[in-house]
C-alpha atoms as a PDB file:
ATOM      1  CA  UNK A   1       5.690   3.120 -36.927  1.00  0.00           C
ATOM      2  CA  UNK A   2       8.370   0.810 -35.532  1.00  0.00           C
ATOM      3  CA  UNK A   3       9.404   2.741 -32.413  1.00  0.00           C
ATOM      4  CA  UNK A   4       7.525   3.690 -29.255  1.00  0.00           C
ATOM      5  CA  UNK A   5       8.365   4.967 -25.791  1.00  0.00           C
ATOM      6  CA  UNK A   6       7.203   3.465 -22.522  1.00  0.00           C
ATOM      7  CA  UNK A   7       7.513   4.716 -18.938  1.00  0.00           C
ATOM      8  CA  UNK A   8       6.286   3.606 -15.539  1.00  0.00           C
ATOM      9  CA  UNK A   9       6.677   4.609 -11.922  1.00  0.00           C
ATOM     10  CA  UNK A  10       6.202   2.121  -9.105  1.00  0.00           C
ATOM     11  CA  UNK A  11       5.774   2.947  -5.431  1.00  0.00           C
ATOM     12  CA  UNK A  12       5.833   0.499  -2.528  1.00  0.00           C
ATOM     13  CA  UNK A  13       5.614   1.143   1.191  1.00  0.00           C
ATOM     14  CA  UNK A  14       6.943  -1.530   3.561  1.00  0.00           C
ATOM     15  CA  UNK A  15       7.098  -1.062   7.344  1.00  0.00           C
ATOM     16  CA  UNK A  16       6.558   2.683   6.913  1.00  0.00           C
ATOM     17  CA  UNK A  17       9.416   3.112   4.403  1.00  0.00           C
ATOM     18  CA  UNK A  18       8.710   4.192   0.813  1.00  0.00           C
ATOM     19  CA  UNK A  19      10.504   2.629  -2.166  1.00  0.00           C
ATOM     20  CA  UNK A  20      10.257   4.046  -5.689  1.00  0.00           C
ATOM     21  CA  UNK A  21      11.222   2.642  -9.095  1.00  0.00           C
ATOM     22  CA  UNK A  22      11.134   4.673 -12.286  1.00  0.00           C
ATOM     23  CA  UNK A  23      11.578   2.905 -15.617  1.00  0.00           C
ATOM     24  CA  UNK A  24      11.811   4.383 -19.122  1.00  0.00           C
ATOM     25  CA  UNK A  25      12.463   2.526 -22.331  1.00  0.00           C
ATOM     26  CA  UNK A  26      11.958   2.100 -26.039  1.00  0.00           C
ATOM     27  CA  UNK A  27       9.814  -0.437 -27.854  1.00  0.00           C
ATOM     28  CA  UNK A  28      11.384  -1.227 -31.219  1.00  0.00           C
ATOM     29  CA  UNK A  29       9.643  -3.523 -33.714  1.00  0.00           C
ATOM     30  CA  UNK A  30      12.169  -4.600 -36.404  1.00  0.00           C
ATOM     31  CA  UNK A  31       9.682  -7.073 -37.928  1.00  0.00           C
ATOM     32  CA  UNK A  32       5.965  -7.715 -37.416  1.00  0.00           C
ATOM     33  CA  UNK A  33       6.227 -10.344 -34.668  1.00  0.00           C
ATOM     34  CA  UNK A  34       9.302  -9.162 -32.703  1.00  0.00           C
ATOM     35  CA  UNK A  35       9.543  -6.326 -30.161  1.00  0.00           C
ATOM     36  CA  UNK A  36      12.901  -5.379 -28.627  1.00  0.00           C
ATOM     37  CA  UNK A  37      12.677  -3.348 -25.420  1.00  0.00           C
ATOM     38  CA  UNK A  38      15.815  -1.734 -23.920  1.00  0.00           C
ATOM     39  CA  UNK A  39      15.146   0.087 -20.646  1.00  0.00           C
ATOM     40  CA  UNK A  40      16.671   2.209 -17.897  1.00  0.00           C
ATOM     41  CA  UNK A  41      15.477   1.752 -14.305  1.00  0.00           C
ATOM     42  CA  UNK A  42      16.264   3.806 -11.217  1.00  0.00           C
ATOM     43  CA  UNK A  43      15.444   2.434  -7.750  1.00  0.00           C
ATOM     44  CA  UNK A  44      15.210   5.039  -4.990  1.00  0.00           C
ATOM     45  CA  UNK A  45      14.288   5.272  -1.332  1.00  0.00           C
ATOM     46  CA  UNK A  46      14.615   8.459   0.738  1.00  0.00           C
ATOM     47  CA  UNK A  47      15.285   6.261   3.796  1.00  0.00           C
ATOM     48  CA  UNK A  48      18.295   4.712   2.027  1.00  0.00           C
ATOM     49  CA  UNK A  49      20.055   8.088   1.918  1.00  0.00           C
ATOM     50  CA  UNK A  50      21.194   7.346   5.471  1.00  0.00           C
ATOM     51  CA  UNK A  51      22.250   3.745   4.735  1.00  0.00           C
ATOM     52  CA  UNK A  52      25.683   2.506   3.764  1.00  0.00           C
ATOM     53  CA  UNK A  53      26.291   1.908   0.051  1.00  0.00           C
ATOM     54  CA  UNK A  54      24.678  -1.269  -1.253  1.00  0.00           C
ATOM     55  CA  UNK A  55      21.467  -0.901   0.785  1.00  0.00           C
ATOM     56  CA  UNK A  56      18.544  -3.146  -0.169  1.00  0.00           C
ATOM     57  CA  UNK A  57      14.796  -3.045   0.348  1.00  0.00           C
ATOM     58  CA  UNK A  58      12.987  -5.897   2.190  1.00  0.00           C
ATOM     59  CA  UNK A  59      12.697  -7.837  -1.094  1.00  0.00           C
ATOM     60  CA  UNK A  60      16.471  -7.729  -1.595  1.00  0.00           C
ATOM     61  CA  UNK A  61      16.343  -5.184  -4.438  1.00  0.00           C
ATOM     62  CA  UNK A  62      19.151  -2.562  -4.332  1.00  0.00           C
ATOM     63  CA  UNK A  63      18.026   1.019  -3.686  1.00  0.00           C
ATOM     64  CA  UNK A  64      19.528   4.271  -4.980  1.00  0.00           C
ATOM     65  CA  UNK A  65      20.870   2.355  -7.961  1.00  0.00           C
ATOM     66  CA  UNK A  66      20.555   2.513 -11.762  1.00  0.00           C
ATOM     67  CA  UNK A  67      19.923  -0.588 -13.851  1.00  0.00           C
ATOM     68  CA  UNK A  68      20.046  -1.109 -17.630  1.00  0.00           C
ATOM     69  CA  UNK A  69      18.155  -3.989 -19.174  1.00  0.00           C
ATOM     70  CA  UNK A  70      16.835  -5.351 -22.452  1.00  0.00           C
ATOM     71  CA  UNK A  71      14.346  -8.001 -23.485  1.00  0.00           C
ATOM     72  CA  UNK A  72      12.670  -9.245 -26.634  1.00  0.00           C
ATOM     73  CA  UNK A  73       9.148 -10.504 -27.238  1.00  0.00           C
ATOM     74  CA  UNK A  74       8.362 -12.965 -30.011  1.00  0.00           C
ATOM     75  CA  UNK A  75       4.677 -13.435 -30.855  1.00  0.00           C
ATOM     76  CA  UNK A  76       3.384 -16.288 -32.982  1.00  0.00           C
END
Protein backbone atom coordinates (compact mmCIF):
# COMPACT_ATOMS: atom_id res chain seq x y z
CA UNK A 1 0.00 0.00 0.00
CA UNK A 2 2.95 2.35 0.48
CA UNK A 3 4.98 1.58 -2.65
CA UNK A 4 4.24 2.06 -6.35
CA UNK A 5 6.18 2.05 -9.60
CA UNK A 6 6.13 4.76 -12.24
CA UNK A 7 7.61 4.87 -15.74
CA UNK A 8 7.54 7.27 -18.66
CA UNK A 9 9.10 7.62 -22.08
CA UNK A 10 9.53 11.00 -23.74
CA UNK A 11 10.34 11.62 -27.39
CA UNK A 12 11.30 14.93 -28.98
CA UNK A 13 12.31 15.71 -32.53
CA UNK A 14 14.30 18.90 -33.18
CA UNK A 15 15.69 19.83 -36.61
CA UNK A 16 15.09 16.27 -37.82
CA UNK A 17 16.99 14.64 -34.92
CA UNK A 18 15.17 12.41 -32.41
CA UNK A 19 15.87 12.58 -28.67
CA UNK A 20 14.51 10.01 -26.21
CA UNK A 21 14.29 9.96 -22.41
CA UNK A 22 13.20 6.93 -20.42
CA UNK A 23 12.50 7.31 -16.71
CA UNK A 24 11.61 4.64 -14.14
CA UNK A 25 11.15 5.12 -10.43
CA UNK A 26 9.46 4.22 -7.19
CA UNK A 27 6.80 6.14 -5.30
CA UNK A 28 7.17 5.47 -1.58
CA UNK A 29 4.68 6.88 0.93
CA UNK A 30 6.17 6.62 4.47
CA UNK A 31 3.29 8.62 5.97
CA UNK A 32 -0.07 9.81 4.63
CA UNK A 33 1.03 13.21 3.31
CA UNK A 34 4.60 12.50 2.09
CA UNK A 35 5.70 10.77 -1.13
CA UNK A 36 9.39 10.09 -1.80
CA UNK A 37 10.25 9.40 -5.44
CA UNK A 38 13.73 8.11 -6.40
CA UNK A 39 14.19 7.69 -10.15
CA UNK A 40 16.57 6.56 -12.89
CA UNK A 41 16.60 8.42 -16.22
CA UNK A 42 18.38 7.56 -19.45
CA UNK A 43 18.71 10.18 -22.20
CA UNK A 44 19.43 8.80 -25.67
CA UNK A 45 19.76 10.02 -29.24
CA UNK A 46 20.79 7.79 -32.15
CA UNK A 47 22.38 10.86 -33.78
CA UNK A 48 24.63 11.32 -30.73
CA UNK A 49 26.31 7.96 -31.37
CA UNK A 50 28.53 9.82 -33.84
CA UNK A 51 29.23 12.76 -31.51
CA UNK A 52 32.15 13.18 -29.14
CA UNK A 53 31.50 12.31 -25.48
CA UNK A 54 29.50 14.95 -23.63
CA UNK A 55 27.14 15.71 -26.54
CA UNK A 56 24.03 17.76 -25.75
CA UNK A 57 20.65 18.27 -27.39
CA UNK A 58 19.50 21.77 -28.47
CA UNK A 59 18.12 22.41 -24.95
CA UNK A 60 21.53 21.71 -23.40
CA UNK A 61 20.52 18.33 -21.92
CA UNK A 62 23.25 15.64 -22.15
CA UNK A 63 22.46 12.68 -24.42
CA UNK A 64 23.51 9.04 -24.07
CA UNK A 65 23.77 9.58 -20.32
CA UNK A 66 22.24 8.08 -17.16
CA UNK A 67 20.91 10.26 -14.36
CA UNK A 68 19.79 9.35 -10.82
CA UNK A 69 17.46 11.66 -8.96
CA UNK A 70 15.12 11.88 -5.99
CA UNK A 71 12.39 14.22 -4.85
CA UNK A 72 9.76 14.41 -2.14
CA UNK A 73 6.21 15.75 -2.22
CA UNK A 74 4.53 17.10 0.90
CA UNK A 75 0.76 17.63 0.68
CA UNK A 76 -1.20 19.64 3.22
